[in-house]
Amino acid sequence: MKNYFKKFSIMFVMALAIIGVGMISNGTVAKAADGDYVLKKDYSANLVANYKFEETSGTTCNISKGAYVGTYNGTTSVTGSVGNARSFNGTNDYISFGNQVIPLGRKSIQFKIKTTSTSGSHILSNSGGFSAKYGTNIGINSGKIVFALSKSTGGTYNSIVSSNIYINDGNWHDVLITWDGTTTTNAIKIYIDGTLDASGTALSTETNDASYNLSIGKQAGASAYYFNGQLDELEIYNDVVEYENESITLDKATMDLTEGASEQLIATTTPSAVGVTWTSSDQSIATVDLTGKVTGVKEGTCTITATTTDGSNLSASCTVTVTKQIPPSNSGTTTVNPSGATTNSNGILNINTPSGFTQNNNNGGNGNSSNNSGNTNNSGNSGNNYSNNNNSNSNNNYYYYNNYYYYSGKTA
């Protein structure tokens, strides 16, 4: 038996060494595209076991959800990424369980890890590994995460997938490994710190229970390959915890406004349920409300930014240019100060009726009346308007509109 475990351990490390600097699954090297990923939905109903490692005394490894309580064999309580974590010395520390815990087939396993180790070790294991056994192994080799499925065929793994990212830098890293339980191409996925890092393909589905009960911190069924580092927030699901690429875009990259004018910006997020906040780099130039409506204040340039509110802090920006509002011009006329003009009690300018004009007083306000042989001035509280149509007795045309007196030379 001792030689058997020794043989398995050597074979497991050889397998890890073969995948080396990349992820190899069935002869194919692959690396997933980079990106920011978020959970597609709430998977709490699929949580089989959740270990937070908050215990500071005793030997019981309690579970936040589920029925699989573990036993601390050595290990030390330390400050973790969230609350407390468990530290393993790499020599004889581990956590034992009376159940296999990890479900068959469709599954997701997530945990936080902190280590500087480069040697091959097992983090979670309920399999005999490379020999004719069943089960799952998650380990670390040369600073990378390795996921292996045993298929009860001596000398052959169901699948081995290695991360591309090194996690042995002494910092906390979040690891998520998922498998949909099928032989679909690249159905096995490894996420590191929320980013899809590697994927692989299983040779067969799982139909048999694991060969051993779960061990954390060493190889199941053997006193070998002890893990040296810290673990926190272990979660095991009976479903694939799926991520999608998170993004935010705006419908405009630039916007031109005049003072006082407004225009709407539209933010599109993935997932669509993610909210945004709006900010202006200079509210004295342009403001933005909670819906993305932008209003020009004064001449100048500023930046309007939309930022996601789910903690990812992704953002998209639009450059806004505000120009002065230009008043309408009186093209083709000359404004003059009429001779002898006075202001009435309503603040309206009175002028002498030009020669050839007659004047009507109406309190109804602005309005022009005219005929073909003469010109009429309507004087009211809203303003004085002269209209000249075909006045053959006058050398010049006179117009008075909205408190302005206009003069233009008569044309033939």
Protein backbone atom coordinates (compact mmCIF):
# COMPACT_ATOMS: atom_id res chain seq x y z
CA MET A 1 0.00 0.00 0.00
CA LYS A 2 2.79 2.39 0.85
CA ASN A 3 4.47 1.72 -2.50
CA TYR A 4 1.12 2.18 -4.27
CA PHE A 5 0.66 5.68 -2.90
CA LYS A 6 4.27 6.49 -3.68
CA LYS A 7 3.73 5.34 -7.26
CA PHE A 8 0.55 7.42 -7.57
CA SER A 9 2.25 10.51 -6.19
CA ILE A 10 5.14 10.24 -8.62
CA MET A 11 2.71 9.81 -11.53
CA PHE A 12 0.60 12.80 -10.42
CA VAL A 13 3.64 15.07 -10.24
CA MET A 14 4.83 13.76 -13.61
CA ALA A 15 1.46 14.68 -15.05
CA LEU A 16 1.72 18.15 -13.56
CA ALA A 17 5.21 18.53 -14.94
CA ILE A 18 4.04 17.58 -18.41
CA ILE A 19 1.56 20.47 -18.56
CA GLY A 20 4.38 22.77 -17.48
CA VAL A 21 4.09 26.38 -18.58
CA GLY A 22 0.72 26.09 -20.33
CA MET A 23 -2.63 24.37 -20.11
CA ILE A 24 -2.71 21.09 -22.03
CA SER A 25 -5.89 19.08 -22.44
CA ASN A 26 -5.97 16.17 -24.88
CA GLY A 27 -2.92 17.56 -26.66
CA THR A 28 -4.27 21.13 -27.11
CA VAL A 29 -2.68 24.17 -25.53
CA ALA A 30 -5.17 26.94 -24.80
CA LYS A 31 -5.35 30.29 -23.07
CA ALA A 32 -8.59 32.15 -22.53
CA ALA A 33 -9.00 35.80 -23.44
CA ASP A 34 -8.58 38.36 -20.72
CA GLY A 35 -11.57 40.28 -19.36
CA ASP A 36 -13.59 41.33 -16.32
CA TYR A 37 -16.25 38.77 -15.40
CA VAL A 38 -19.33 38.85 -13.15
CA LEU A 39 -21.77 36.14 -12.00
CA LYS A 40 -24.73 35.65 -14.32
CA LYS A 41 -27.18 34.87 -11.50
CA ASP A 42 -27.56 33.99 -7.81
CA TYR A 43 -26.26 30.46 -7.19
CA SER A 44 -26.94 30.24 -3.44
CA ALA A 45 -29.54 27.47 -3.93
CA ASN A 46 -26.82 25.29 -5.51
CA LEU A 47 -24.32 25.73 -2.68
CA VAL A 48 -23.50 22.26 -1.32
CA ALA A 49 -20.86 23.29 1.23
CA ASN A 50 -19.39 26.56 2.44
CA TYR A 51 -16.38 26.72 4.78
CA LYS A 52 -15.34 30.13 6.08
CA PHE A 53 -12.63 28.82 8.51
CA GLU A 54 -13.62 31.31 11.21
CA GLU A 55 -12.83 28.94 14.13
CA THR A 56 -10.04 30.13 16.42
CA SER A 57 -10.09 27.10 18.78
CA GLY A 58 -11.09 23.44 18.81
CA THR A 59 -10.79 20.86 16.03
CA THR A 60 -14.19 21.17 14.36
CA CYS A 61 -14.30 22.72 10.93
CA ASN A 62 -17.84 24.07 10.86
CA ILE A 63 -19.89 24.58 7.76
CA SER A 64 -21.92 27.68 6.99
CA LYS A 65 -24.24 25.70 4.71
CA GLY A 66 -24.61 21.96 4.23
CA ALA A 67 -24.05 18.93 6.48
CA TYR A 68 -20.39 18.05 5.90
CA VAL A 69 -18.45 19.02 9.03
CA GLY A 70 -14.67 18.55 8.94
CA THR A 71 -11.92 17.95 11.51
CA TYR A 72 -8.80 20.09 11.83
CA ASN A 73 -5.62 18.02 12.03
CA GLY A 74 -3.08 20.64 12.98
CA THR A 75 -3.54 23.88 10.93
CA THR A 76 -3.60 27.35 12.46
CA SER A 77 -6.19 30.12 12.50
CA VAL A 78 -4.80 33.29 10.87
CA THR A 79 -6.15 36.55 9.51
CA GLY A 80 -7.70 35.83 6.13
CA SER A 81 -8.91 37.72 3.10
CA VAL A 82 -12.29 37.96 4.86
CA GLY A 83 -12.28 37.42 8.62
CA ASN A 84 -10.16 34.40 9.57
CA ALA A 85 -8.48 31.79 7.35
CA ARG A 86 -6.68 28.47 7.85
CA SER A 87 -2.92 28.08 7.52
CA PHE A 88 -1.28 24.75 6.49
CA ASN A 89 2.39 24.06 7.27
CA GLY A 90 3.12 21.82 4.27
CA THR A 91 4.30 18.99 6.57
CA ASN A 92 1.35 17.37 8.37
CA ASP A 93 -1.53 19.88 8.52
CA TYR A 94 -4.82 18.95 6.86
CA ILE A 95 -8.62 18.84 7.30
CA SER A 96 -10.39 15.49 7.10
CA PHE A 97 -14.05 14.74 6.29
CA GLY A 98 -16.34 11.75 6.61
CA ASN A 99 -17.91 12.41 3.20
CA GLN A 100 -16.83 12.90 -0.38
CA VAL A 101 -18.47 16.39 -0.30
CA ILE A 102 -17.56 17.24 -3.94
CA PRO A 103 -20.57 16.27 -6.12
CA LEU A 104 -20.40 14.01 -9.14
CA GLY A 105 -20.53 15.52 -12.58
CA ARG A 106 -21.73 19.13 -12.76
CA LYS A 107 -19.81 21.16 -10.18
CA SER A 108 -18.06 24.40 -9.22
CA ILE A 109 -15.37 24.82 -6.56
CA GLN A 110 -14.28 28.27 -5.41
CA PHE A 111 -11.75 29.30 -2.77
CA LYS A 112 -9.24 31.96 -1.84
CA ILE A 113 -5.58 30.98 -1.64
CA LYS A 114 -2.34 32.58 -0.45
CA THR A 115 0.97 30.79 -0.93
CA THR A 116 4.58 31.08 -2.01
CA SER A 117 4.98 27.35 -2.63
CA THR A 118 6.36 26.00 -5.89
CA SER A 119 6.32 22.29 -4.99
CA GLY A 120 3.54 19.93 -6.06
CA SER A 121 0.79 19.64 -3.44
CA HIS A 122 -2.90 18.83 -3.09
CA ILE A 123 -5.38 21.50 -1.97
CA LEU A 124 -8.58 19.41 -2.23
CA SER A 125 -8.62 15.70 -2.98
CA ASN A 126 -11.07 12.76 -2.87
CA SER A 127 -9.43 10.66 -5.60
CA GLY A 128 -6.78 8.03 -5.93
CA GLY A 129 -5.44 10.15 -8.74
CA PHE A 130 -3.45 8.67 -11.60
CA SER A 131 -4.24 5.07 -10.69
CA ALA A 132 -7.49 3.15 -11.31
CA LYS A 133 -9.59 5.34 -9.01
CA TYR A 134 -12.37 7.94 -9.20
CA GLY A 135 -12.68 11.50 -7.96
CA THR A 136 -11.33 15.04 -8.07
CA ASN A 137 -7.95 16.55 -7.28
CA ILE A 138 -7.17 20.27 -7.09
CA GLY A 139 -3.50 21.00 -6.52
CA ILE A 140 -0.69 23.45 -7.04
CA ASN A 141 2.40 22.79 -9.11
CA SER A 142 5.18 25.24 -10.00
CA GLY A 143 2.99 28.05 -8.68
CA LYS A 144 -0.04 27.23 -10.85
CA ILE A 145 -3.47 25.77 -10.05
CA VAL A 146 -4.11 22.26 -11.43
CA PHE A 147 -7.51 20.56 -11.74
CA ALA A 148 -7.53 16.78 -12.36
CA LEU A 149 -10.33 14.24 -12.77
CA SER A 150 -9.65 10.52 -12.26
CA LYS A 151 -11.48 8.05 -14.51
CA SER A 152 -10.62 4.62 -13.10
CA THR A 153 -8.23 3.82 -15.91
CA GLY A 154 -4.70 3.20 -14.69
CA GLY A 155 -2.20 5.68 -16.09
CA THR A 156 -4.85 7.98 -17.57
CA TYR A 157 -6.62 11.03 -16.19
CA ASN A 158 -10.10 11.98 -17.30
CA SER A 159 -8.71 15.48 -17.64
CA ILE A 160 -5.91 17.72 -16.37
CA VAL A 161 -6.19 21.49 -16.72
CA SER A 162 -3.60 23.98 -15.43
CA SER A 163 -3.90 27.70 -14.96
CA ASN A 164 -1.72 30.03 -16.99
CA ILE A 165 -1.45 32.53 -14.14
CA TYR A 166 0.99 31.96 -11.26
CA ILE A 167 -0.71 32.33 -7.88
CA ASN A 168 2.32 31.76 -5.61
CA ASP A 169 3.24 35.45 -5.18
CA GLY A 170 2.27 35.63 -1.49
CA ASN A 171 -0.96 37.52 -2.21
CA TRP A 172 -4.56 36.40 -1.88
CA HIS A 173 -6.09 35.06 -5.09
CA ASP A 174 -9.64 33.96 -5.85
CA VAL A 175 -9.88 30.63 -7.71
CA LEU A 176 -13.03 29.25 -9.34
CA ILE A 177 -13.08 25.90 -11.16
CA THR A 178 -16.20 24.76 -13.04
CA TRP A 179 -17.25 21.72 -15.05
CA ASP A 180 -20.65 21.00 -16.59
CA GLY A 181 -20.11 17.24 -16.26
CA THR A 182 -19.96 16.64 -20.04
CA THR A 183 -17.30 15.97 -22.64
CA THR A 184 -18.09 19.21 -24.44
CA THR A 185 -14.96 20.95 -25.70
CA ASN A 186 -13.46 23.30 -23.08
CA ALA A 187 -16.31 22.64 -20.61
CA ILE A 188 -13.79 22.69 -17.75
CA LYS A 189 -12.88 26.27 -16.84
CA ILE A 190 -10.46 27.89 -14.40
CA TYR A 191 -11.02 31.49 -13.32
CA ILE A 192 -8.30 33.39 -11.45
CA ASP A 193 -9.31 36.60 -9.67
CA GLY A 194 -12.54 36.81 -11.66
CA THR A 195 -10.90 36.33 -15.06
CA LEU A 196 -11.27 33.23 -17.22
CA ASP A 197 -7.72 31.93 -17.40
CA ALA A 198 -7.81 28.39 -18.84
CA SER A 199 -10.16 25.69 -20.09
CA GLY A 200 -10.05 21.99 -20.98
CA THR A 201 -12.08 18.97 -22.07
CA ALA A 202 -13.02 15.84 -20.10
CA LEU A 203 -12.58 12.46 -21.78
CA SER A 204 -15.69 10.99 -20.11
CA THR A 205 -18.51 11.82 -17.74
CA GLU A 206 -18.57 10.89 -14.03
CA THR A 207 -20.83 8.02 -13.00
CA ASN A 208 -19.00 6.55 -9.98
CA ASP A 209 -18.52 7.99 -6.52
CA ALA A 210 -15.08 9.24 -5.53
CA SER A 211 -12.69 6.66 -4.16
CA TYR A 212 -12.04 8.54 -0.89
CA ASN A 213 -13.61 11.04 1.45
CA LEU A 214 -12.49 14.62 1.04
CA SER A 215 -9.16 15.83 2.39
CA ILE A 216 -8.14 19.49 2.37
CA GLY A 217 -4.42 20.21 2.46
CA LYS A 218 -3.10 16.83 1.34
CA GLN A 219 -3.67 13.88 -0.97
CA ALA A 220 -6.75 11.83 -0.09
CA GLY A 221 -5.97 8.38 1.30
CA ALA A 222 -2.27 9.10 1.79
CA SER A 223 0.07 11.10 4.01
CA ALA A 224 1.65 12.93 1.11
CA TYR A 225 1.66 16.13 -0.91
CA TYR A 226 0.78 18.45 1.96
CA PHE A 227 -0.17 21.99 1.04
CA ASN A 228 1.92 24.90 2.34
CA GLY A 229 -0.10 28.12 2.47
CA GLN A 230 -3.44 29.58 3.53
CA LEU A 231 -7.03 28.91 2.44
CA ASP A 232 -10.21 30.91 2.96
CA GLU A 233 -13.86 31.06 1.83
CA LEU A 234 -14.20 27.56 0.32
CA GLU A 235 -17.47 27.07 -1.61
CA ILE A 236 -18.62 23.90 -3.39
CA TYR A 237 -21.62 23.93 -5.77
CA ASN A 238 -23.57 21.26 -7.65
CA ASP A 239 -23.97 23.57 -10.66
CA VAL A 240 -21.76 25.53 -13.03
CA VAL A 241 -21.22 29.00 -11.66
CA GLU A 242 -21.10 31.00 -14.87
CA TYR A 243 -19.49 34.34 -15.46
CA GLU A 244 -20.01 36.84 -18.25
CA ASN A 245 -17.82 39.65 -19.47
CA GLU A 246 -18.79 42.92 -17.81
CA SER A 247 -18.69 46.15 -19.79
CA ILE A 248 -20.08 49.67 -20.06
CA THR A 249 -20.39 51.87 -23.17
CA LEU A 250 -21.95 55.25 -24.02
CA ASP A 251 -23.91 56.07 -27.16
CA LYS A 252 -21.75 59.17 -27.76
CA ALA A 253 -18.02 59.81 -27.38
CA THR A 254 -18.39 63.57 -27.93
CA MET A 255 -21.21 66.08 -27.54
CA ASP A 256 -21.59 69.72 -28.65
CA LEU A 257 -23.98 71.99 -26.73
CA THR A 258 -24.80 75.68 -26.57
CA GLU A 259 -25.27 77.39 -23.23
CA GLY A 260 -28.59 76.32 -21.72
CA ALA A 261 -29.15 73.44 -24.15
CA SER A 262 -29.55 69.80 -23.03
CA GLU A 263 -28.95 66.39 -24.58
CA GLN A 264 -29.34 62.79 -23.37
CA LEU A 265 -26.48 60.30 -22.91
CA ILE A 266 -27.35 56.59 -22.83
CA ALA A 267 -25.18 54.03 -20.97
CA THR A 268 -25.30 50.33 -21.90
CA THR A 269 -23.98 47.78 -19.37
CA THR A 270 -23.35 44.05 -19.41
CA PRO A 271 -25.05 42.55 -17.48
CA SER A 272 -27.93 44.93 -18.20
CA ALA A 273 -29.00 44.98 -14.52
CA VAL A 274 -25.80 46.76 -13.46
CA GLY A 275 -26.52 50.37 -12.46
CA VAL A 276 -24.41 53.46 -13.18
CA THR A 277 -23.62 56.80 -11.57
CA TRP A 278 -23.05 60.00 -13.59
CA THR A 279 -20.45 62.68 -12.88
CA SER A 280 -19.16 65.85 -14.55
CA SER A 281 -15.51 66.85 -14.40
CA ASP A 282 -16.58 70.52 -14.25
CA GLN A 283 -20.16 71.35 -13.28
CA SER A 284 -19.59 75.04 -14.06
CA ILE A 285 -19.35 74.05 -17.75
CA ALA A 286 -21.88 71.20 -17.99
CA THR A 287 -24.02 69.27 -15.51
CA VAL A 288 -25.47 65.77 -15.72
CA ASP A 289 -28.47 64.38 -13.84
CA LEU A 290 -29.15 60.87 -12.51
CA THR A 291 -30.47 59.72 -15.89
CA GLY A 292 -27.54 60.97 -18.01
CA LYS A 293 -29.17 64.18 -19.25
CA VAL A 294 -26.39 66.72 -19.93
CA THR A 295 -26.98 70.50 -19.79
CA GLY A 296 -24.55 73.15 -21.01
CA VAL A 297 -23.83 75.91 -18.47
CA LYS A 298 -21.05 78.07 -19.90
CA GLU A 299 -18.48 78.04 -22.67
CA GLY A 300 -15.77 75.42 -22.23
CA THR A 301 -14.99 71.67 -22.34
CA CYS A 302 -15.52 69.00 -19.68
CA THR A 303 -15.94 65.22 -19.38
CA ILE A 304 -19.13 63.37 -18.43
CA THR A 305 -18.43 59.90 -16.96
CA ALA A 306 -20.72 56.93 -16.26
CA THR A 307 -19.39 54.40 -13.68
CA THR A 308 -20.82 50.97 -12.77
CA THR A 309 -22.19 50.62 -9.23
CA ASP A 310 -21.61 46.88 -8.66
CA GLY A 311 -18.06 47.31 -7.32
CA SER A 312 -16.26 46.68 -10.60
CA ASN A 313 -15.90 50.48 -11.12
CA LEU A 314 -15.87 50.18 -14.91
CA SER A 315 -16.46 53.54 -16.61
CA ALA A 316 -17.08 55.21 -19.97
CA SER A 317 -16.73 58.91 -20.79
CA CYS A 318 -18.02 61.56 -23.21
CA THR A 319 -16.25 64.85 -23.98
CA VAL A 320 -18.70 67.76 -23.90
CA THR A 321 -17.97 71.09 -25.61
CA VAL A 322 -20.20 74.06 -24.69
CA THR A 323 -20.31 77.20 -26.85
CA LYS A 324 -21.95 80.59 -26.26
CA GLN A 325 -25.47 81.17 -27.51
CA ILE A 326 -25.37 83.72 -30.40
CA PRO A 327 -28.37 86.17 -30.50
CA PRO A 328 -30.24 86.47 -33.83
CA SER A 329 -28.95 89.21 -36.18
CA ASN A 330 -31.06 91.93 -37.91
CA SER A 331 -29.60 91.42 -41.35
CA GLY A 332 -30.33 94.12 -43.94
CA THR A 333 -31.57 96.79 -41.49
CA THR A 334 -29.99 99.63 -39.59
CA THR A 335 -31.07 100.30 -36.02
CA VAL A 336 -31.10 104.00 -35.13
CA ASN A 337 -32.17 106.06 -32.19
CA PRO A 338 -35.21 107.95 -33.51
CA SER A 339 -35.19 111.71 -33.20
CA GLY A 340 -37.48 113.05 -30.52
CA ALA A 341 -38.38 109.62 -29.14
CA THR A 342 -39.83 109.40 -25.63
CA THR A 343 -40.89 106.53 -23.33
CA ASN A 344 -44.44 106.09 -22.09
CA SER A 345 -45.55 104.91 -18.62
CA ASN A 346 -45.24 101.30 -19.71
CA GLY A 347 -41.60 101.71 -20.70
CA ILE A 348 -42.44 101.57 -24.40
CA LEU A 349 -40.60 103.85 -26.75
CA ASN A 350 -42.71 106.59 -28.37
CA ILE A 351 -41.58 108.07 -31.65
CA ASN A 352 -42.87 110.77 -33.93
CA THR A 353 -44.92 109.39 -36.72
CA PRO A 354 -42.87 109.70 -39.91
CA SER A 355 -44.23 111.89 -42.66
CA GLY A 356 -46.80 110.08 -44.73
CA PHE A 357 -47.78 107.70 -41.87
CA THR A 358 -50.99 107.68 -39.87
CA GLN A 359 -51.19 106.32 -36.31
CA ASN A 360 -53.79 104.16 -34.60
CA ASN A 361 -53.73 103.53 -30.86
CA ASN A 362 -54.69 100.00 -29.84
CA ASN A 363 -54.16 98.52 -26.37
CA GLY A 364 -54.19 95.06 -27.87
CA GLY A 365 -50.42 94.97 -28.48
CA ASN A 366 -48.24 94.19 -31.45
CA GLY A 367 -49.69 94.05 -34.87
CA ASN A 368 -49.07 95.56 -38.27
CA SER A 369 -51.76 96.84 -40.56
CA SER A 370 -51.13 98.26 -43.94
CA ASN A 371 -52.67 99.27 -47.18
CA ASN A 372 -51.32 99.95 -50.60
CA SER A 373 -51.60 103.74 -50.36
CA GLY A 374 -50.46 104.48 -46.84
CA ASN A 375 -48.92 103.13 -43.68
CA THR A 376 -50.33 102.58 -40.23
CA ASN A 377 -48.57 102.52 -36.88
CA ASN A 378 -50.16 100.41 -34.18
CA SER A 379 -49.23 101.65 -30.74
CA GLY A 380 -49.97 99.31 -27.81
CA ASN A 381 -48.68 98.19 -24.41
CA SER A 382 -46.64 95.41 -25.94
CA GLY A 383 -44.72 97.59 -28.39
CA ASN A 384 -44.97 99.98 -31.30
CA ASN A 385 -44.82 98.62 -34.82
CA TYR A 386 -44.64 100.60 -38.06
CA SER A 387 -45.22 98.83 -41.30
CA ASN A 388 -44.54 100.43 -44.64
CA ASN A 389 -45.96 98.92 -47.79
CA ASN A 390 -45.53 100.76 -51.08
CA ASN A 391 -45.41 104.28 -49.62
CA SER A 392 -44.81 106.44 -52.70
CA ASN A 393 -44.92 109.69 -50.70
CA SER A 394 -41.91 108.92 -48.56
CA ASN A 395 -38.26 108.93 -49.51
CA ASN A 396 -37.41 106.26 -46.94
CA ASN A 397 -38.93 103.15 -45.34
CA TYR A 398 -39.43 103.23 -41.57
CA TYR A 399 -40.03 100.20 -39.35
CA TYR A 400 -40.57 100.02 -35.59
CA TYR A 401 -40.74 96.52 -34.04
CA ASN A 402 -40.23 95.21 -30.49
CA ASN A 403 -39.00 98.55 -29.17
CA TYR A 404 -36.46 98.98 -31.97
CA TYR A 405 -36.64 101.67 -34.65
CA TYR A 406 -35.43 100.50 -38.02
CA TYR A 407 -34.53 102.69 -40.98
CA SER A 408 -33.72 101.56 -44.45
CA GLY A 409 -33.37 103.55 -47.61
CA LYS A 410 -36.28 103.27 -49.97
CA THR A 411 -35.69 101.18 -53.01
CA ALA A 412 -37.10 101.88 -56.38
